[in-house]
N, C-alpha and C. Protein backbone atom coordinates (compact mmCIF):
# COMPACT_ATOMS: atom_id res chain seq x y z
N MET A 1 15.70 -2.62 -9.76
CA MET A 1 14.78 -1.72 -9.02
C MET A 1 15.95 -1.16 -8.48
N GLN A 2 15.47 0.49 -8.68
CA GLN A 2 16.70 1.30 -7.84
C GLN A 2 15.99 2.16 -6.54
N VAL A 3 16.65 1.79 -5.19
CA VAL A 3 16.08 2.53 -4.01
C VAL A 3 16.92 3.79 -3.87
N ILE A 4 16.41 4.67 -3.81
CA ILE A 4 16.96 6.08 -3.11
C ILE A 4 17.61 5.93 -1.81
N TRP A 5 18.44 6.47 -1.83
CA TRP A 5 19.57 6.75 -0.36
C TRP A 5 19.68 7.71 -0.20
N ALA A 6 19.41 8.43 1.14
CA ALA A 6 19.91 9.42 1.22
C ALA A 6 20.78 9.45 2.02
N ILE A 7 21.87 9.82 1.56
CA ILE A 7 23.66 9.87 1.97
C ILE A 7 24.29 11.13 1.59
N ASN A 8 25.06 11.98 2.22
CA ASN A 8 25.98 12.65 2.11
C ASN A 8 27.00 12.60 0.70
N GLN A 9 26.78 13.55 0.08
CA GLN A 9 27.75 13.22 -1.17
C GLN A 9 29.22 13.32 -0.64
N SER A 10 29.77 13.94 0.10
CA SER A 10 31.01 13.85 0.83
C SER A 10 31.63 12.55 1.28
N VAL A 11 30.43 11.63 2.06
CA VAL A 11 30.91 10.54 2.52
C VAL A 11 31.21 9.47 1.61
N LEU A 12 30.39 9.32 0.40
CA LEU A 12 30.76 8.37 -0.80
C LEU A 12 32.10 9.00 -1.78
N ARG A 13 32.01 10.32 -1.69
CA ARG A 13 33.68 10.83 -2.22
C ARG A 13 34.88 10.56 -1.45
N ASN A 14 34.77 10.77 0.03
CA ASN A 14 36.07 10.50 0.72
C ASN A 14 36.05 9.38 1.57
N HIS A 15 35.55 8.10 1.22
CA HIS A 15 35.73 7.40 1.56
C HIS A 15 35.75 5.96 0.84
N SER A 16 36.45 4.95 1.45
CA SER A 16 36.33 3.48 0.47
C SER A 16 35.23 3.42 0.47
N ARG A 17 34.61 2.26 -0.13
CA ARG A 17 33.17 1.48 -0.23
C ARG A 17 33.22 0.29 1.05
N GLU A 18 34.36 -0.01 1.65
CA GLU A 18 34.30 -0.76 2.83
C GLU A 18 34.22 0.16 4.27
N GLU A 19 34.52 1.44 3.88
CA GLU A 19 34.42 2.58 4.93
C GLU A 19 32.71 2.48 5.10
N ILE A 20 31.96 2.94 4.19
CA ILE A 20 30.84 3.76 3.90
C ILE A 20 29.38 2.59 4.88
N PRO A 21 28.68 3.44 5.81
CA PRO A 21 27.75 2.41 6.29
C PRO A 21 26.58 2.06 5.60
N TYR A 22 26.57 0.88 4.42
CA TYR A 22 25.59 0.54 3.91
C TYR A 22 24.30 -0.20 4.93
N PRO A 23 22.89 0.66 4.19
CA PRO A 23 22.64 0.07 4.94
C PRO A 23 21.71 -1.47 4.72
N THR A 24 21.19 -2.27 5.39
CA THR A 24 20.79 -3.53 5.71
C THR A 24 19.38 -3.36 5.12
N PHE A 25 18.59 -4.53 4.32
CA PHE A 25 17.47 -4.68 4.39
C PHE A 25 17.01 -5.91 4.52
N ASP A 26 15.94 -5.93 5.54
CA ASP A 26 15.31 -7.15 5.82
C ASP A 26 14.18 -7.64 5.31
N HIS A 27 13.69 -6.94 4.58
CA HIS A 27 12.56 -7.66 3.06
C HIS A 27 12.99 -6.93 2.09
N CYS A 28 12.45 -7.83 0.90
CA CYS A 28 12.70 -7.51 -0.47
C CYS A 28 11.68 -6.41 -0.58
N PRO A 29 12.05 -5.46 -1.47
CA PRO A 29 10.81 -4.41 -1.90
C PRO A 29 10.02 -4.94 -2.96
N GLN A 30 10.75 -5.70 -3.71
CA GLN A 30 9.90 -6.60 -5.15
C GLN A 30 8.92 -7.67 -4.72
N CYS A 31 9.47 -8.33 -3.94
CA CYS A 31 8.48 -9.60 -3.88
C CYS A 31 7.98 -9.82 -2.41
N ASN A 32 8.46 -8.42 -1.58
CA ASN A 32 7.71 -8.28 0.15
C ASN A 32 7.85 -9.38 0.86
N HIS A 33 9.06 -10.59 0.21
CA HIS A 33 9.37 -11.71 1.46
C HIS A 33 10.26 -11.18 2.34
N PHE A 34 10.24 -10.87 3.80
CA PHE A 34 10.70 -10.85 4.70
C PHE A 34 11.93 -11.78 5.05
N VAL A 35 13.06 -11.23 4.18
CA VAL A 35 14.42 -12.36 3.81
C VAL A 35 15.45 -11.06 4.23
N SER A 36 16.70 -11.36 4.49
CA SER A 36 17.63 -10.61 4.54
C SER A 36 18.27 -10.48 3.16
N MET A 37 18.40 -9.31 2.59
CA MET A 37 19.11 -8.99 1.19
C MET A 37 20.31 -9.40 1.34
N VAL A 38 20.98 -9.66 0.59
CA VAL A 38 22.55 -9.86 0.43
C VAL A 38 23.33 -8.77 -0.53
N ARG A 39 24.51 -8.29 -0.24
CA ARG A 39 25.02 -7.54 -0.89
C ARG A 39 25.80 -7.98 -2.43
N HIS A 40 25.29 -7.69 -3.16
CA HIS A 40 25.68 -8.23 -4.58
C HIS A 40 26.60 -7.61 -5.61
N GLY A 41 27.82 -6.91 -5.10
CA GLY A 41 28.93 -6.65 -5.47
C GLY A 41 28.28 -5.01 -5.95
N TYR A 42 28.90 -4.74 -7.17
CA TYR A 42 28.77 -2.91 -7.01
C TYR A 42 29.09 -3.09 -8.51
N TYR A 43 28.43 -1.75 -9.09
CA TYR A 43 28.86 -1.51 -10.40
C TYR A 43 29.19 0.15 -10.28
N GLN A 44 30.09 0.90 -11.15
CA GLN A 44 30.90 2.21 -11.34
C GLN A 44 29.33 2.83 -12.29
N ARG A 45 29.70 4.50 -11.64
CA ARG A 45 28.34 5.08 -12.26
C ARG A 45 29.51 6.16 -12.59
N HIS A 46 29.63 7.00 -13.70
CA HIS A 46 30.63 7.89 -14.17
C HIS A 46 29.89 9.27 -13.59
N ILE A 47 30.24 10.39 -13.05
CA ILE A 47 29.29 11.72 -13.04
C ILE A 47 30.34 12.87 -13.23
N PRO A 48 30.00 13.51 -14.38
CA PRO A 48 30.57 14.55 -14.66
C PRO A 48 30.00 15.61 -13.93
N GLU A 49 31.33 16.60 -13.78
CA GLU A 49 30.87 17.92 -13.19
C GLU A 49 31.62 18.91 -13.91
N LYS A 50 31.44 20.25 -13.99
CA LYS A 50 32.46 21.23 -14.33
C LYS A 50 33.48 20.77 -15.18
N ASP A 51 34.43 20.64 -14.21
CA ASP A 51 35.84 20.33 -14.40
C ASP A 51 36.79 18.79 -14.68
N LYS A 52 35.65 17.98 -14.18
CA LYS A 52 36.03 16.61 -13.72
C LYS A 52 34.91 15.76 -13.93
N VAL A 53 35.30 14.57 -13.85
CA VAL A 53 34.16 13.14 -13.69
C VAL A 53 34.86 12.46 -12.76
N TRP A 54 34.15 12.11 -11.99
CA TRP A 54 34.28 11.31 -10.52
C TRP A 54 33.87 10.14 -10.80
N GLU A 55 34.19 9.04 -10.16
CA GLU A 55 33.68 7.53 -10.28
C GLU A 55 32.99 7.41 -8.89
N LEU A 56 31.92 6.75 -8.78
CA LEU A 56 31.28 6.32 -7.89
C LEU A 56 30.55 4.60 -7.84
N ASP A 57 30.45 4.16 -6.90
CA ASP A 57 30.55 2.60 -6.81
C ASP A 57 29.18 2.44 -6.62
N ILE A 58 28.32 2.31 -6.99
CA ILE A 58 26.93 2.01 -6.62
C ILE A 58 26.85 0.19 -6.10
N CYS A 59 26.07 0.29 -4.93
CA CYS A 59 25.70 -1.07 -4.36
C CYS A 59 24.67 -1.76 -4.60
N ARG A 60 24.89 -2.92 -4.92
CA ARG A 60 23.34 -3.89 -5.81
C ARG A 60 23.79 -4.68 -4.30
N TYR A 61 22.10 -5.36 -4.34
CA TYR A 61 21.51 -6.25 -3.43
C TYR A 61 20.85 -7.44 -4.14
N LEU A 62 21.09 -8.72 -3.41
CA LEU A 62 20.20 -9.54 -4.39
C LEU A 62 19.19 -9.97 -3.39
N CYS A 63 18.15 -10.50 -3.77
CA CYS A 63 17.46 -11.08 -2.78
C CYS A 63 17.34 -12.65 -2.92
N PRO A 64 17.84 -13.66 -1.89
CA PRO A 64 17.85 -14.69 -2.02
C PRO A 64 16.50 -15.32 -2.01
N HIS A 65 15.00 -15.16 -2.10
CA HIS A 65 14.06 -15.56 -2.13
C HIS A 65 13.81 -15.36 -3.87
N CYS A 66 13.41 -14.32 -4.10
CA CYS A 66 13.27 -14.06 -5.75
C CYS A 66 14.07 -14.14 -6.88
N GLY A 67 15.69 -14.04 -6.30
CA GLY A 67 16.65 -13.95 -7.25
C GLY A 67 16.99 -12.30 -7.76
N ARG A 68 15.65 -11.41 -7.53
CA ARG A 68 16.24 -10.08 -8.16
C ARG A 68 17.06 -9.27 -7.35
N THR A 69 17.42 -8.55 -7.86
CA THR A 69 18.29 -7.18 -7.64
C THR A 69 17.64 -5.85 -7.41
N LEU A 70 18.64 -5.15 -6.36
CA LEU A 70 18.15 -3.69 -6.55
C LEU A 70 19.26 -2.97 -6.23
N SER A 71 19.48 -1.94 -6.71
CA SER A 71 20.79 -0.71 -6.72
C SER A 71 20.00 0.17 -5.40
N LEU A 72 21.16 0.38 -4.71
CA LEU A 72 21.28 1.76 -4.04
C LEU A 72 21.53 2.75 -4.57
N LEU A 73 21.05 4.07 -5.01
CA LEU A 73 21.49 4.90 -5.81
C LEU A 73 20.95 6.28 -4.86
N PRO A 74 22.07 6.85 -4.39
CA PRO A 74 22.47 8.24 -3.83
C PRO A 74 21.49 8.89 -4.11
N TRP A 75 20.96 9.87 -3.20
CA TRP A 75 19.61 10.64 -3.85
C TRP A 75 20.19 11.86 -4.48
N PHE A 76 21.20 12.41 -4.68
CA PHE A 76 21.70 13.36 -5.33
C PHE A 76 21.86 12.86 -6.97
N LEU A 77 21.69 11.78 -7.20
CA LEU A 77 22.07 11.30 -8.82
C LEU A 77 20.42 10.81 -9.09
N LEU A 78 20.11 11.35 -10.01
CA LEU A 78 18.99 11.03 -10.85
C LEU A 78 18.44 9.43 -11.32
N PRO A 79 17.95 8.68 -11.14
CA PRO A 79 17.73 7.34 -12.23
C PRO A 79 17.52 7.63 -13.85
N PHE A 80 18.81 7.29 -14.27
CA PHE A 80 18.75 7.10 -15.66
C PHE A 80 19.40 8.24 -16.30
N PHE A 81 19.66 9.27 -15.55
CA PHE A 81 20.29 10.38 -16.23
C PHE A 81 21.92 10.63 -15.47
N GLN A 82 22.40 11.01 -16.60
CA GLN A 82 24.20 11.16 -16.38
C GLN A 82 24.42 12.40 -15.61
N TYR A 83 24.06 13.65 -15.33
CA TYR A 83 24.15 14.40 -14.82
C TYR A 83 23.49 14.34 -13.27
N PRO A 84 24.40 14.72 -12.20
CA PRO A 84 23.74 14.76 -10.83
C PRO A 84 22.60 15.74 -10.74
N ARG A 85 21.62 15.77 -9.60
CA ARG A 85 21.18 16.48 -9.48
C ARG A 85 21.00 17.42 -9.77
N ASN A 86 21.75 18.47 -8.66
CA ASN A 86 22.33 19.51 -8.37
C ASN A 86 22.98 20.38 -9.68
N THR A 87 23.62 19.57 -10.48
CA THR A 87 23.85 20.02 -12.12
C THR A 87 22.68 20.55 -12.89
N ILE A 88 21.62 19.46 -12.54
CA ILE A 88 21.05 19.48 -13.73
C ILE A 88 19.54 20.77 -13.37
N LEU A 89 19.62 20.88 -11.89
CA LEU A 89 18.99 22.37 -11.35
C LEU A 89 19.56 23.45 -11.45
N THR A 90 20.82 23.57 -11.18
CA THR A 90 21.70 24.71 -11.47
C THR A 90 21.64 24.69 -13.05
N ALA A 91 21.61 24.08 -14.06
CA ALA A 91 21.74 24.52 -15.56
C ALA A 91 20.43 25.11 -15.86
N LEU A 92 19.17 24.19 -15.36
CA LEU A 92 17.80 24.80 -15.46
C LEU A 92 17.75 26.15 -15.04
N ARG A 93 18.24 26.11 -13.47
CA ARG A 93 17.76 27.86 -13.27
C ARG A 93 18.66 28.60 -13.84
N GLU A 94 19.74 29.01 -14.49
CA GLU A 94 20.37 29.23 -14.88
C GLU A 94 20.04 29.78 -16.61
N HIS A 95 19.27 28.59 -17.15
CA HIS A 95 18.81 28.63 -18.51
C HIS A 95 17.06 29.94 -18.25
N PHE A 96 16.67 29.22 -17.30
CA PHE A 96 15.33 30.21 -17.06
C PHE A 96 15.51 31.18 -16.71
N LEU A 97 16.51 31.95 -15.78
CA LEU A 97 16.82 32.84 -15.27
C LEU A 97 17.39 34.16 -16.69
N ASP A 98 18.12 33.83 -17.21
CA ASP A 98 18.94 34.69 -18.47
C ASP A 98 19.45 33.81 -19.46
N GLY A 99 19.27 32.48 -19.80
CA GLY A 99 19.62 32.19 -21.03
C GLY A 99 21.48 31.75 -20.68
N VAL A 100 22.08 31.85 -19.39
CA VAL A 100 23.57 31.74 -19.31
C VAL A 100 23.73 30.19 -20.18
N LYS A 101 24.93 30.09 -20.51
CA LYS A 101 25.24 29.10 -21.35
C LYS A 101 26.09 28.06 -19.93
N THR A 102 26.11 27.21 -19.85
CA THR A 102 26.58 26.08 -18.96
C THR A 102 27.37 24.84 -19.83
N PHE A 103 28.22 24.12 -19.19
CA PHE A 103 28.99 23.22 -19.73
C PHE A 103 28.58 22.01 -20.20
N ILE A 104 26.66 21.98 -20.13
CA ILE A 104 25.92 21.18 -20.57
C ILE A 104 25.53 21.24 -21.77
N SER A 105 25.22 20.63 -22.73
CA SER A 105 25.48 20.91 -24.11
C SER A 105 23.80 21.33 -24.32
N ARG A 106 23.77 22.03 -25.60
CA ARG A 106 22.47 22.66 -25.84
C ARG A 106 21.24 21.72 -25.81
N GLN A 107 21.87 21.18 -26.66
CA GLN A 107 20.58 19.70 -26.74
C GLN A 107 19.66 18.87 -25.77
N LEU A 108 21.25 18.53 -24.62
CA LEU A 108 20.52 18.28 -23.16
C LEU A 108 19.88 19.08 -22.59
N LEU A 109 20.39 20.30 -22.73
CA LEU A 109 19.63 21.54 -21.70
C LEU A 109 17.82 21.52 -22.09
N ASN A 110 17.93 21.77 -24.00
CA ASN A 110 16.40 21.68 -24.49
C ASN A 110 15.53 20.10 -24.06
N PHE A 111 16.43 19.24 -23.64
CA PHE A 111 15.65 17.93 -22.99
C PHE A 111 15.50 18.10 -21.82
N TYR A 112 16.14 18.58 -20.95
CA TYR A 112 16.04 18.87 -19.80
C TYR A 112 14.97 20.03 -19.51
N GLU A 113 14.67 21.18 -20.19
CA GLU A 113 13.69 22.02 -20.23
C GLU A 113 12.50 21.40 -20.35
N LYS A 114 12.32 20.86 -21.59
CA LYS A 114 11.05 19.99 -22.22
C LYS A 114 10.35 19.04 -21.26
N ARG A 115 11.18 18.25 -20.48
CA ARG A 115 11.03 17.33 -19.29
C ARG A 115 10.53 17.95 -17.98
N PHE A 116 11.39 18.86 -17.71
CA PHE A 116 10.85 19.86 -16.66
C PHE A 116 9.40 20.37 -16.92
N LYS A 117 9.16 20.83 -17.65
CA LYS A 117 8.19 21.60 -18.41
C LYS A 117 7.07 20.59 -17.98
N ARG A 118 7.33 19.40 -18.57
CA ARG A 118 6.15 18.66 -18.69
C ARG A 118 5.86 18.22 -17.22
N ASN A 119 6.99 18.26 -16.25
CA ASN A 119 6.25 17.69 -15.04
C ASN A 119 6.01 18.67 -14.18
N LEU A 120 5.83 20.26 -14.42
CA LEU A 120 5.70 20.97 -13.44
C LEU A 120 4.47 21.07 -12.77
N SER A 121 3.48 20.16 -13.44
CA SER A 121 1.88 19.83 -12.93
C SER A 121 2.26 19.02 -11.68
N ALA A 122 2.77 18.14 -11.92
CA ALA A 122 3.26 17.18 -10.98
C ALA A 122 4.08 17.47 -9.88
N ILE A 123 5.04 18.47 -10.14
CA ILE A 123 5.79 19.11 -9.02
C ILE A 123 5.12 19.65 -8.32
N ILE A 124 4.03 20.47 -8.56
CA ILE A 124 3.36 21.51 -7.87
C ILE A 124 2.79 20.61 -7.17
N LEU A 125 1.77 19.90 -7.54
CA LEU A 125 1.13 19.12 -7.12
C LEU A 125 1.91 18.48 -5.90
N SER A 126 3.04 17.95 -5.84
CA SER A 126 3.57 17.07 -4.52
C SER A 126 3.99 18.07 -3.69
N PHE A 127 4.33 19.28 -3.89
CA PHE A 127 4.59 20.51 -2.92
C PHE A 127 3.65 20.93 -2.65
N ARG A 128 2.17 20.92 -3.14
CA ARG A 128 1.24 21.26 -2.49
C ARG A 128 0.61 20.06 -1.48
N ASP A 129 1.04 19.00 -1.75
CA ASP A 129 0.52 17.76 -0.62
C ASP A 129 1.75 17.77 0.62
N LYS A 130 2.77 18.65 0.21
CA LYS A 130 3.58 18.66 1.39
C LYS A 130 3.90 19.99 2.27
N GLY A 131 2.28 20.83 1.87
CA GLY A 131 2.21 22.27 2.48
C GLY A 131 2.91 23.21 1.79
N PHE A 132 3.06 23.51 0.69
CA PHE A 132 3.74 24.61 -0.08
C PHE A 132 2.30 25.31 -0.50
N TYR A 133 2.01 26.14 -0.41
CA TYR A 133 0.80 26.68 -0.34
C TYR A 133 0.89 28.30 -0.89
N GLU A 134 1.88 28.25 -1.48
CA GLU A 134 2.65 29.72 -1.79
C GLU A 134 2.13 29.77 -2.97
N PRO A 135 1.39 31.07 -3.53
CA PRO A 135 1.02 31.26 -4.93
C PRO A 135 2.28 31.30 -5.80
N LEU A 136 2.12 30.63 -7.11
CA LEU A 136 2.99 30.99 -8.16
C LEU A 136 2.46 31.37 -9.19
N SER A 137 3.42 31.80 -9.97
CA SER A 137 3.05 33.15 -11.33
C SER A 137 2.43 32.24 -12.42
N GLY A 138 1.55 32.94 -13.12
CA GLY A 138 1.16 32.32 -14.26
C GLY A 138 1.94 31.82 -15.27
N ASP A 139 3.12 32.83 -15.21
CA ASP A 139 4.00 32.91 -16.36
C ASP A 139 5.22 30.93 -16.25
N ILE A 140 5.14 30.86 -16.79
CA ILE A 140 5.62 29.23 -16.88
C ILE A 140 7.32 29.38 -16.58
N ARG A 141 7.78 30.42 -16.99
CA ARG A 141 9.06 30.49 -16.84
C ARG A 141 9.30 31.05 -15.09
N GLU A 142 8.78 32.14 -14.47
CA GLU A 142 8.92 32.50 -13.22
C GLU A 142 8.58 31.45 -12.21
N LYS A 143 7.22 30.15 -13.16
CA LYS A 143 7.03 28.73 -12.07
C LYS A 143 8.06 28.35 -12.16
N ALA A 144 8.54 28.10 -13.21
CA ALA A 144 9.91 27.22 -13.17
C ALA A 144 11.23 27.31 -12.33
N ILE A 145 11.36 28.86 -12.40
CA ILE A 145 12.84 29.55 -11.63
C ILE A 145 11.98 29.22 -9.76
N ARG A 146 10.70 29.25 -9.21
CA ARG A 146 10.38 29.10 -8.12
C ARG A 146 10.58 27.97 -7.57
N LEU A 147 9.92 26.91 -8.43
CA LEU A 147 9.76 25.80 -8.06
C LEU A 147 11.08 24.84 -8.16
N LEU A 148 12.26 25.08 -9.32
CA LEU A 148 13.72 25.26 -9.02
C LEU A 148 14.20 25.02 -7.95
N GLY A 149 13.73 26.44 -6.98
CA GLY A 149 14.44 26.91 -5.69
C GLY A 149 14.07 25.67 -4.83
N TRP A 150 12.69 25.52 -4.72
CA TRP A 150 12.20 24.84 -3.95
C TRP A 150 12.77 23.60 -3.93
N LEU A 151 12.90 22.86 -4.79
CA LEU A 151 13.68 21.92 -5.22
C LEU A 151 14.95 21.46 -4.71
N GLU A 152 15.83 22.79 -4.71
CA GLU A 152 17.16 22.95 -4.31
C GLU A 152 17.13 22.38 -3.09
N TYR A 153 16.16 22.60 -2.24
CA TYR A 153 16.17 22.91 -0.21
C TYR A 153 15.68 21.01 -0.16
N THR A 154 15.17 20.69 -1.15
CA THR A 154 14.46 19.56 -0.67
C THR A 154 15.20 18.04 -0.73
N SER A 155 15.45 17.44 -0.31
CA SER A 155 16.22 16.11 -0.01
C SER A 155 15.58 14.84 0.62
N PRO A 156 15.35 13.78 0.47
CA PRO A 156 14.65 12.59 0.78
C PRO A 156 14.19 13.15 2.37
N SER A 157 13.64 12.65 2.96
CA SER A 157 13.14 12.70 4.85
C SER A 157 13.79 11.53 5.58
N GLU A 158 13.53 10.44 4.53
CA GLU A 158 14.06 9.06 5.42
C GLU A 158 15.39 9.08 4.99
N SER A 159 15.98 7.84 5.20
CA SER A 159 17.36 7.32 5.21
C SER A 159 17.16 6.49 3.77
N ILE A 160 15.95 5.64 3.77
CA ILE A 160 15.86 5.00 2.52
C ILE A 160 14.39 5.33 1.94
N GLU A 161 14.16 5.65 0.82
CA GLU A 161 12.91 5.71 0.39
C GLU A 161 12.71 5.16 -0.93
N MET A 162 11.77 4.27 -0.87
CA MET A 162 11.35 3.46 -2.21
C MET A 162 11.01 4.33 -3.17
N ILE A 163 11.34 4.09 -4.63
CA ILE A 163 10.63 4.66 -5.89
C ILE A 163 9.46 3.68 -6.14
N ASP A 164 8.37 3.83 -5.74
CA ASP A 164 7.44 2.90 -6.05
C ASP A 164 6.01 3.78 -5.97
N GLN A 165 4.73 3.14 -6.50
CA GLN A 165 3.71 4.18 -6.64
C GLN A 165 3.14 4.40 -5.32
N ARG A 166 3.87 3.84 -3.70
CA ARG A 166 3.28 4.14 -2.98
C ARG A 166 3.82 5.19 -2.33
N SER A 167 5.03 5.78 -2.66
CA SER A 167 5.10 6.73 -2.17
C SER A 167 5.13 8.16 -3.14
N ASP A 168 5.50 9.32 -3.06
CA ASP A 168 5.51 10.40 -3.52
C ASP A 168 7.25 10.92 -3.65
N HIS A 169 7.58 10.72 -4.82
CA HIS A 169 8.91 10.52 -4.51
C HIS A 169 9.50 11.95 -6.21
N THR A 170 8.64 12.62 -6.05
CA THR A 170 8.64 13.49 -6.95
C THR A 170 9.67 14.72 -6.64
N PRO A 171 9.66 15.26 -5.53
CA PRO A 171 10.83 16.38 -5.07
C PRO A 171 12.29 15.48 -5.38
N VAL A 172 12.66 14.09 -5.19
CA VAL A 172 13.66 13.11 -5.39
C VAL A 172 14.00 13.12 -6.71
N ASN A 173 12.85 12.26 -7.81
CA ASN A 173 13.20 12.26 -8.89
C ASN A 173 12.13 13.29 -9.94
N PHE A 174 12.27 14.41 -10.01
CA PHE A 174 11.84 15.44 -10.51
C PHE A 174 11.69 15.17 -11.92
N MET A 175 12.79 14.53 -12.53
CA MET A 175 12.79 14.36 -14.06
C MET A 175 12.33 13.50 -14.81
N ALA A 176 11.35 12.64 -13.90
CA ALA A 176 11.21 11.02 -13.89
C ALA A 176 10.06 11.00 -15.22
N LEU A 177 10.09 10.48 -16.52
CA LEU A 177 9.03 10.37 -17.57
C LEU A 177 7.92 9.51 -16.81
N SER A 178 7.93 8.90 -15.63
CA SER A 178 6.78 8.51 -15.24
C SER A 178 5.97 9.32 -14.50
N LEU A 179 6.20 10.22 -14.25
CA LEU A 179 5.60 11.46 -13.36
C LEU A 179 4.01 11.77 -13.65
N TYR A 180 3.72 11.94 -14.83
CA TYR A 180 2.47 11.83 -15.61
C TYR A 180 1.32 10.42 -15.17
N SER A 181 2.28 9.56 -15.66
CA SER A 181 1.32 8.08 -16.11
C SER A 181 0.82 7.58 -14.11
N LYS A 182 1.78 8.11 -13.39
CA LYS A 182 1.34 7.38 -11.89
C LYS A 182 0.45 8.17 -11.39
N ARG A 183 0.26 9.38 -11.40
CA ARG A 183 -0.49 10.26 -11.02
C ARG A 183 -1.98 10.71 -11.89
N GLY A 184 -2.06 10.05 -12.99
CA GLY A 184 -3.15 10.19 -14.06
C GLY A 184 -3.53 11.35 -14.17
N LEU A 185 -2.14 12.55 -14.24
CA LEU A 185 -2.63 13.91 -15.02
C LEU A 185 -2.27 13.69 -16.32
N SER A 186 -2.99 14.77 -17.12
CA SER A 186 -2.83 14.83 -18.75
C SER A 186 -1.51 15.75 -19.03
N CYS A 187 -0.98 15.11 -20.00
CA CYS A 187 0.12 15.87 -20.48
C CYS A 187 0.33 16.65 -22.15
N LYS A 188 0.72 17.55 -21.84
CA LYS A 188 0.78 19.09 -22.91
C LYS A 188 2.25 18.44 -23.50
N SER A 189 2.21 18.86 -24.72
CA SER A 189 3.43 18.69 -25.53
C SER A 189 3.86 20.19 -25.66
């Protein structure tokens, strides 16, 4: 299981893992047993940017009751995506605005575009639930540009946000394949 963690990117870049204030868990989000989760090591995640690739240690926790682990994923990384959130948002915005080429491959950009368009309804619904009632254009391209702007200014409101069916994780993980299945929305190819 992955838990989204609201922490500033500069803290993770500029401090060793011993200096980072990792949170503690007083219960297991998987078995709901009230037990202190134990830090269970780290794994490295490689994060490509325009001119370099930097490495980030992702902290893992172990539940002593059920034996399952969870990973503490910083909010600026999307689960199961190689590029960070802001790189994907920027690439999509540039693509929808004027087709500017980015350092992301054409094939990957096409995948991001299809996934984003597929999730448009769920993203709109999530923002409507949060009080964004500004009218959106009927044109998919203009709608996508507006939503990308909204997504650029969203971050988790709490220090830790579970990705599960009980919370709306759409603004944090707007590229998730599961947005339609969790909301029960129909999907257009």
